[in-house]
Amino acid sequence: TIQLDIVTPERLVYSKQVNMVITKAANGDIGILPNHAPVVSTLLPTSVCAKIDGKDEDIAIGGGFLEVSPE
């Protein structure tokens, strides 16, 4: 699994271990799996789909930044 944290300037709004993350980056759709290469990208206003044990959780976002790190 990977740790998905969604934060605003004010607070942490979502934090879970997930199997996969799918969202819309500035250059198109991106899917993140465990051991993904490091990435930094801007995000469009869209939703983030967190796949957890065969179920999807969709979280609306107003844009921002995506950072994938080895940790």
PDB file of N, CA and C in Angstrom:
ATOM      1  N   THR A   1       0.841  -1.190   0.000  1.00  0.00           N
ATOM      2  CA  THR A   1       0.000   0.000   0.000  1.00  0.00           C
ATOM      3  C   THR A   1       0.886   1.253   0.000  1.00  0.00           C
ATOM      4  N   ILE A   2       0.247   2.382  -0.235  1.00  0.00           N
ATOM      5  CA  ILE A   2       0.933   3.669  -0.178  1.00  0.00           C
ATOM      6  C   ILE A   2       0.123   4.608   0.711  1.00  0.00           C
ATOM      7  N   GLN A   3       0.795   5.566   1.294  1.00  0.00           N
ATOM      8  CA  GLN A   3       0.146   6.553   2.147  1.00  0.00           C
ATOM      9  C   GLN A   3      -0.354   7.698   1.283  1.00  0.00           C
ATOM     10  N   LEU A   4      -1.657   7.977   1.330  1.00  0.00           N
ATOM     11  CA  LEU A   4      -2.242   9.104   0.624  1.00  0.00           C
ATOM     12  C   LEU A   4      -2.636  10.159   1.639  1.00  0.00           C
ATOM     13  N   ASP A   5      -2.024  11.321   1.528  1.00  0.00           N
ATOM     14  CA  ASP A   5      -2.365  12.463   2.376  1.00  0.00           C
ATOM     15  C   ASP A   5      -2.834  13.597   1.474  1.00  0.00           C
ATOM     16  N   ILE A   6      -4.001  14.149   1.760  1.00  0.00           N
ATOM     17  CA  ILE A   6      -4.497  15.327   1.060  1.00  0.00           C
ATOM     18  C   ILE A   6      -4.536  16.443   2.085  1.00  0.00           C
ATOM     19  N   VAL A   7      -3.794  17.513   1.789  1.00  0.00           N
ATOM     20  CA  VAL A   7      -3.670  18.616   2.744  1.00  0.00           C
ATOM     21  C   VAL A   7      -4.063  19.936   2.096  1.00  0.00           C
ATOM     22  N   THR A   8      -4.569  20.829   2.932  1.00  0.00           N
ATOM     23  CA  THR A   8      -4.831  22.210   2.535  1.00  0.00           C
ATOM     24  C   THR A   8      -3.871  23.078   3.336  1.00  0.00           C
ATOM     25  N   PRO A   9      -3.800  24.365   3.038  1.00  0.00           N
ATOM     26  CA  PRO A   9      -2.946  25.224   3.867  1.00  0.00           C
ATOM     27  C   PRO A   9      -3.362  25.226   5.345  1.00  0.00           C
ATOM     28  N   GLU A  10      -4.619  24.898   5.618  1.00  0.00           N
ATOM     29  CA  GLU A  10      -5.118  24.931   6.990  1.00  0.00           C
ATOM     30  C   GLU A  10      -4.947  23.610   7.740  1.00  0.00           C
ATOM     31  N   ARG A  11      -5.110  22.457   7.028  1.00  0.00           N
ATOM     32  CA  ARG A  11      -5.110  21.193   7.768  1.00  0.00           C
ATOM     33  C   ARG A  11      -5.003  19.983   6.844  1.00  0.00           C
ATOM     34  N   LEU A  12      -4.790  18.848   7.460  1.00  0.00           N
ATOM     35  CA  LEU A  12      -4.827  17.552   6.799  1.00  0.00           C
ATOM     36  C   LEU A  12      -6.289  17.147   6.668  1.00  0.00           C
ATOM     37  N   VAL A  13      -6.768  16.874   5.440  1.00  0.00           N
ATOM     38  CA  VAL A  13      -8.186  16.553   5.257  1.00  0.00           C
ATOM     39  C   VAL A  13      -8.443  15.084   4.940  1.00  0.00           C
ATOM     40  N   TYR A  14      -7.404  14.341   4.538  1.00  0.00           N
ATOM     41  CA  TYR A  14      -7.566  12.924   4.221  1.00  0.00           C
ATOM     42  C   TYR A  14      -6.224  12.252   4.429  1.00  0.00           C
ATOM     43  N   SER A  15      -6.228  11.103   5.090  1.00  0.00           N
ATOM     44  CA  SER A  15      -4.989  10.369   5.323  1.00  0.00           C
ATOM     45  C   SER A  15      -5.315   8.891   5.494  1.00  0.00           C
ATOM     46  N   LYS A  16      -4.934   8.081   4.493  1.00  0.00           N
ATOM     47  CA  LYS A  16      -5.189   6.641   4.554  1.00  0.00           C
ATOM     48  C   LYS A  16      -4.120   5.884   3.780  1.00  0.00           C
ATOM     49  N   GLN A  17      -3.969   4.612   4.123  1.00  0.00           N
ATOM     50  CA  GLN A  17      -3.168   3.691   3.332  1.00  0.00           C
ATOM     51  C   GLN A  17      -4.076   3.189   2.200  1.00  0.00           C
ATOM     52  N   VAL A  18      -3.622   3.312   0.959  1.00  0.00           N
ATOM     53  CA  VAL A  18      -4.430   2.920  -0.196  1.00  0.00           C
ATOM     54  C   VAL A  18      -3.622   2.005  -1.108  1.00  0.00           C
ATOM     55  N   ASN A  19      -4.327   1.304  -1.993  1.00  0.00           N
ATOM     56  CA  ASN A  19      -3.657   0.417  -2.938  1.00  0.00           C
ATOM     57  C   ASN A  19      -3.207   1.147  -4.197  1.00  0.00           C
ATOM     58  N   MET A  20      -3.965   2.177  -4.600  1.00  0.00           N
ATOM     59  CA  MET A  20      -3.662   2.927  -5.818  1.00  0.00           C
ATOM     60  C   MET A  20      -4.337   4.280  -5.748  1.00  0.00           C
ATOM     61  N   VAL A  21      -3.743   5.275  -6.419  1.00  0.00           N
ATOM     62  CA  VAL A  21      -4.318   6.615  -6.524  1.00  0.00           C
ATOM     63  C   VAL A  21      -4.414   6.965  -8.003  1.00  0.00           C
ATOM     64  N   ILE A  22      -5.570   7.490  -8.417  1.00  0.00           N
ATOM     65  CA  ILE A  22      -5.752   7.948  -9.794  1.00  0.00           C
ATOM     66  C   ILE A  22      -6.296   9.369  -9.742  1.00  0.00           C
ATOM     67  N   THR A  23      -5.678  10.274 -10.534  1.00  0.00           N
ATOM     68  CA  THR A  23      -6.144  11.653 -10.580  1.00  0.00           C
ATOM     69  C   THR A  23      -5.723  12.287 -11.895  1.00  0.00           C
ATOM     70  N   LYS A  24      -6.096  13.563 -12.093  1.00  0.00           N
ATOM     71  CA  LYS A  24      -5.751  14.309 -13.297  1.00  0.00           C
ATOM     72  C   LYS A  24      -4.639  15.293 -12.986  1.00  0.00           C
ATOM     73  N   ALA A  25      -3.480  15.038 -13.557  1.00  0.00           N
ATOM     74  CA  ALA A  25      -2.355  15.965 -13.434  1.00  0.00           C
ATOM     75  C   ALA A  25      -2.407  16.928 -14.623  1.00  0.00           C
ATOM     76  N   ALA A  26      -1.548  17.918 -14.625  1.00  0.00           N
ATOM     77  CA  ALA A  26      -1.531  18.927 -15.685  1.00  0.00           C
ATOM     78  C   ALA A  26      -1.311  18.305 -17.064  1.00  0.00           C
ATOM     79  N   ASN A  27      -0.563  17.206 -17.140  1.00  0.00           N
ATOM     80  CA  ASN A  27      -0.254  16.575 -18.427  1.00  0.00           C
ATOM     81  C   ASN A  27      -1.132  15.377 -18.734  1.00  0.00           C
ATOM     82  N   GLY A  28      -2.188  15.145 -17.971  1.00  0.00           N
ATOM     83  CA  GLY A  28      -3.084  14.024 -18.218  1.00  0.00           C
ATOM     84  C   GLY A  28      -3.315  13.196 -16.975  1.00  0.00           C
ATOM     85  N   ASP A  29      -4.053  12.113 -17.132  1.00  0.00           N
ATOM     86  CA  ASP A  29      -4.358  11.224 -16.009  1.00  0.00           C
ATOM     87  C   ASP A  29      -3.083  10.539 -15.521  1.00  0.00           C
ATOM     88  N   ILE A  30      -3.024  10.309 -14.216  1.00  0.00           N
ATOM     89  CA  ILE A  30      -1.882   9.629 -13.628  1.00  0.00           C
ATOM     90  C   ILE A  30      -2.373   8.614 -12.609  1.00  0.00           C
ATOM     91  N   GLY A  31      -1.782   7.448 -12.622  1.00  0.00           N
ATOM     92  CA  GLY A  31      -2.063   6.409 -11.641  1.00  0.00           C
ATOM     93  C   GLY A  31      -0.818   6.140 -10.830  1.00  0.00           C
ATOM     94  N   ILE A  32      -0.949   6.090  -9.532  1.00  0.00           N
ATOM     95  CA  ILE A  32       0.183   5.884  -8.628  1.00  0.00           C
ATOM     96  C   ILE A  32      -0.001   4.551  -7.912  1.00  0.00           C
ATOM     97  N   LEU A  33       0.982   3.692  -8.026  1.00  0.00           N
ATOM     98  CA  LEU A  33       1.022   2.404  -7.334  1.00  0.00           C
ATOM     99  C   LEU A  33       2.211   2.396  -6.383  1.00  0.00           C
ATOM    100  N   PRO A  34       2.263   1.460  -5.444  1.00  0.00           N
ATOM    101  CA  PRO A  34       3.446   1.365  -4.579  1.00  0.00           C
ATOM    102  C   PRO A  34       4.724   1.262  -5.417  1.00  0.00           C
ATOM    103  N   ASN A  35       5.798   1.855  -4.937  1.00  0.00           N
ATOM    104  CA  ASN A  35       7.109   1.892  -5.590  1.00  0.00           C
ATOM    105  C   ASN A  35       7.134   2.725  -6.863  1.00  0.00           C
ATOM    106  N   HIS A  36       6.201   3.660  -7.007  1.00  0.00           N
ATOM    107  CA  HIS A  36       6.173   4.561  -8.159  1.00  0.00           C
ATOM    108  C   HIS A  36       7.409   5.464  -8.121  1.00  0.00           C
ATOM    109  N   ALA A  37       7.891   5.849  -9.271  1.00  0.00           N
ATOM    110  CA  ALA A  37       9.015   6.789  -9.359  1.00  0.00           C
ATOM    111  C   ALA A  37       8.603   8.131  -8.752  1.00  0.00           C
ATOM    112  N   PRO A  38       9.553   8.865  -8.168  1.00  0.00           N
ATOM    113  CA  PRO A  38       9.236  10.189  -7.626  1.00  0.00           C
ATOM    114  C   PRO A  38       8.690  11.116  -8.719  1.00  0.00           C
ATOM    115  N   VAL A  39       7.668  11.888  -8.368  1.00  0.00           N
ATOM    116  CA  VAL A  39       7.008  12.794  -9.308  1.00  0.00           C
ATOM    117  C   VAL A  39       6.554  14.036  -8.561  1.00  0.00           C
ATOM    118  N   VAL A  40       6.636  15.177  -9.233  1.00  0.00           N
ATOM    119  CA  VAL A  40       5.997  16.402  -8.750  1.00  0.00           C
ATOM    120  C   VAL A  40       5.240  16.979  -9.940  1.00  0.00           C
ATOM    121  N   SER A  41       3.961  17.317  -9.736  1.00  0.00           N
ATOM    122  CA  SER A  41       3.131  17.827 -10.823  1.00  0.00           C
ATOM    123  C   SER A  41       2.048  18.730 -10.258  1.00  0.00           C
ATOM    124  N   THR A  42       1.521  19.597 -11.099  1.00  0.00           N
ATOM    125  CA  THR A  42       0.343  20.359 -10.703  1.00  0.00           C
ATOM    126  C   THR A  42      -0.892  19.496 -10.968  1.00  0.00           C
ATOM    127  N   LEU A  43      -1.950  19.748 -10.204  1.00  0.00           N
ATOM    128  CA  LEU A  43      -3.207  19.023 -10.338  1.00  0.00           C
ATOM    129  C   LEU A  43      -4.300  19.982 -10.795  1.00  0.00           C
ATOM    130  N   LEU A  44      -5.180  19.478 -11.631  1.00  0.00           N
ATOM    131  CA  LEU A  44      -6.334  20.246 -12.071  1.00  0.00           C
ATOM    132  C   LEU A  44      -7.466  20.075 -11.063  1.00  0.00           C
ATOM    133  N   PRO A  45      -8.439  20.996 -11.065  1.00  0.00           N
ATOM    134  CA  PRO A  45      -9.625  20.763 -10.234  1.00  0.00           C
ATOM    135  C   PRO A  45     -10.337  19.507 -10.742  1.00  0.00           C
ATOM    136  N   THR A  46     -10.457  18.519  -9.909  1.00  0.00           N
ATOM    137  CA  THR A  46     -10.989  17.219 -10.314  1.00  0.00           C
ATOM    138  C   THR A  46     -11.293  16.404  -9.069  1.00  0.00           C
ATOM    139  N   SER A  47     -11.161  15.116  -9.170  1.00  0.00           N
ATOM    140  CA  SER A  47     -11.268  14.258  -7.997  1.00  0.00           C
ATOM    141  C   SER A  47     -10.050  13.356  -7.939  1.00  0.00           C
ATOM    142  N   VAL A  48      -9.765  12.887  -6.748  1.00  0.00           N
ATOM    143  CA  VAL A  48      -8.711  11.904  -6.529  1.00  0.00           C
ATOM    144  C   VAL A  48      -9.428  10.606  -6.199  1.00  0.00           C
ATOM    145  N   CYS A  49      -9.130   9.553  -6.948  1.00  0.00           N
ATOM    146  CA  CYS A  49      -9.730   8.248  -6.695  1.00  0.00           C
ATOM    147  C   CYS A  49      -8.729   7.414  -5.905  1.00  0.00           C
ATOM    148  N   ALA A  50      -9.095   7.055  -4.695  1.00  0.00           N
ATOM    149  CA  ALA A  50      -8.269   6.196  -3.851  1.00  0.00           C
ATOM    150  C   ALA A  50      -8.861   4.794  -3.894  1.00  0.00           C
ATOM    151  N   LYS A  51      -8.090   3.836  -4.391  1.00  0.00           N
ATOM    152  CA  LYS A  51      -8.544   2.449  -4.452  1.00  0.00           C
ATOM    153  C   LYS A  51      -8.076   1.733  -3.191  1.00  0.00           C
ATOM    154  N   ILE A  52      -9.045   1.222  -2.423  1.00  0.00           N
ATOM    155  CA  ILE A  52      -8.758   0.575  -1.147  1.00  0.00           C
ATOM    156  C   ILE A  52      -9.475  -0.765  -1.132  1.00  0.00           C
ATOM    157  N   ASP A  53      -8.704  -1.842  -1.207  1.00  0.00           N
ATOM    158  CA  ASP A  53      -9.255  -3.197  -1.141  1.00  0.00           C
ATOM    159  C   ASP A  53     -10.451  -3.401  -2.067  1.00  0.00           C
ATOM    160  N   GLY A  54     -10.317  -3.000  -3.323  1.00  0.00           N
ATOM    161  CA  GLY A  54     -11.367  -3.215  -4.308  1.00  0.00           C
ATOM    162  C   GLY A  54     -12.477  -2.189  -4.314  1.00  0.00           C
ATOM    163  N   LYS A  55     -12.437  -1.230  -3.419  1.00  0.00           N
ATOM    164  CA  LYS A  55     -13.450  -0.174  -3.366  1.00  0.00           C
ATOM    165  C   LYS A  55     -12.803   1.149  -3.734  1.00  0.00           C
ATOM    166  N   ASP A  56     -13.595   2.057  -4.307  1.00  0.00           N
ATOM    167  CA  ASP A  56     -13.108   3.378  -4.688  1.00  0.00           C
ATOM    168  C   ASP A  56     -13.649   4.435  -3.738  1.00  0.00           C
ATOM    169  N   GLU A  57     -12.766   5.333  -3.319  1.00  0.00           N
ATOM    170  CA  GLU A  57     -13.177   6.525  -2.574  1.00  0.00           C
ATOM    171  C   GLU A  57     -12.777   7.719  -3.423  1.00  0.00           C
ATOM    172  N   ASP A  58     -13.750   8.547  -3.808  1.00  0.00           N
ATOM    173  CA  ASP A  58     -13.473   9.737  -4.611  1.00  0.00           C
ATOM    174  C   ASP A  58     -13.489  10.966  -3.721  1.00  0.00           C
ATOM    175  N   ILE A  59     -12.410  11.748  -3.813  1.00  0.00           N
ATOM    176  CA  ILE A  59     -12.264  12.947  -3.011  1.00  0.00           C
ATOM    177  C   ILE A  59     -12.138  14.131  -3.964  1.00  0.00           C
ATOM    178  N   ALA A  60     -13.044  15.103  -3.881  1.00  0.00           N
ATOM    179  CA  ALA A  60     -12.998  16.277  -4.747  1.00  0.00           C
ATOM    180  C   ALA A  60     -11.864  17.192  -4.316  1.00  0.00           C
ATOM    181  N   ILE A  61     -11.129  17.722  -5.304  1.00  0.00           N
ATOM    182  CA  ILE A  61     -10.077  18.693  -5.018  1.00  0.00           C
ATOM    183  C   ILE A  61     -10.235  19.887  -5.955  1.00  0.00           C
ATOM    184  N   GLY A  62      -9.751  21.027  -5.534  1.00  0.00           N
ATOM    185  CA  GLY A  62      -9.826  22.238  -6.343  1.00  0.00           C
ATOM    186  C   GLY A  62      -8.545  22.558  -7.055  1.00  0.00           C
ATOM    187  N   GLY A  63      -7.700  21.547  -7.256  1.00  0.00           N
ATOM    188  CA  GLY A  63      -6.390  21.775  -7.874  1.00  0.00           C
ATOM    189  C   GLY A  63      -5.324  21.706  -6.802  1.00  0.00           C
ATOM    190  N   GLY A  64      -4.097  21.922  -7.200  1.00  0.00           N
ATOM    191  CA  GLY A  64      -3.001  21.917  -6.245  1.00  0.00           C
ATOM    192  C   GLY A  64      -1.773  21.247  -6.816  1.00  0.00           C
ATOM    193  N   PHE A  65      -1.063  20.516  -5.959  1.00  0.00           N
ATOM    194  CA  PHE A  65       0.177  19.866  -6.350  1.00  0.00           C
ATOM    195  C   PHE A  65       0.163  18.410  -5.923  1.00  0.00           C
ATOM    196  N   LEU A  66       0.835  17.572  -6.698  1.00  0.00           N
ATOM    197  CA  LEU A  66       1.011  16.155  -6.407  1.00  0.00           C
ATOM    198  C   LEU A  66       2.488  15.917  -6.172  1.00  0.00           C
ATOM    199  N   GLU A  67       2.805  15.245  -5.096  1.00  0.00           N
ATOM    200  CA  GLU A  67       4.184  14.844  -4.842  1.00  0.00           C
ATOM    201  C   GLU A  67       4.200  13.358  -4.493  1.00  0.00           C
ATOM    202  N   VAL A  68       4.996  12.601  -5.240  1.00  0.00           N
ATOM    203  CA  VAL A  68       5.207  11.186  -4.952  1.00  0.00           C
ATOM    204  C   VAL A  68       6.658  11.065  -4.510  1.00  0.00           C
ATOM    205  N   SER A  69       6.851  10.552  -3.309  1.00  0.00           N
ATOM    206  CA  SER A  69       8.210  10.395  -2.782  1.00  0.00           C
ATOM    207  C   SER A  69       8.447   8.938  -2.406  1.00  0.00           C
ATOM    208  N   PRO A  70       9.705   8.526  -2.334  1.00  0.00           N
ATOM    209  CA  PRO A  70      10.012   7.140  -1.987  1.00  0.00           C
ATOM    210  C   PRO A  70       9.484   6.719  -0.614  1.00  0.00           C
ATOM    211  N   GLU A  71       9.306   7.638   0.298  1.00  0.00           N
ATOM    212  CA  GLU A  71       8.805   7.325   1.626  1.00  0.00           C
ATOM    213  C   GLU A  71       7.323   7.098   1.581  1.00  0.00           C
TER     214      GLU A  71
END
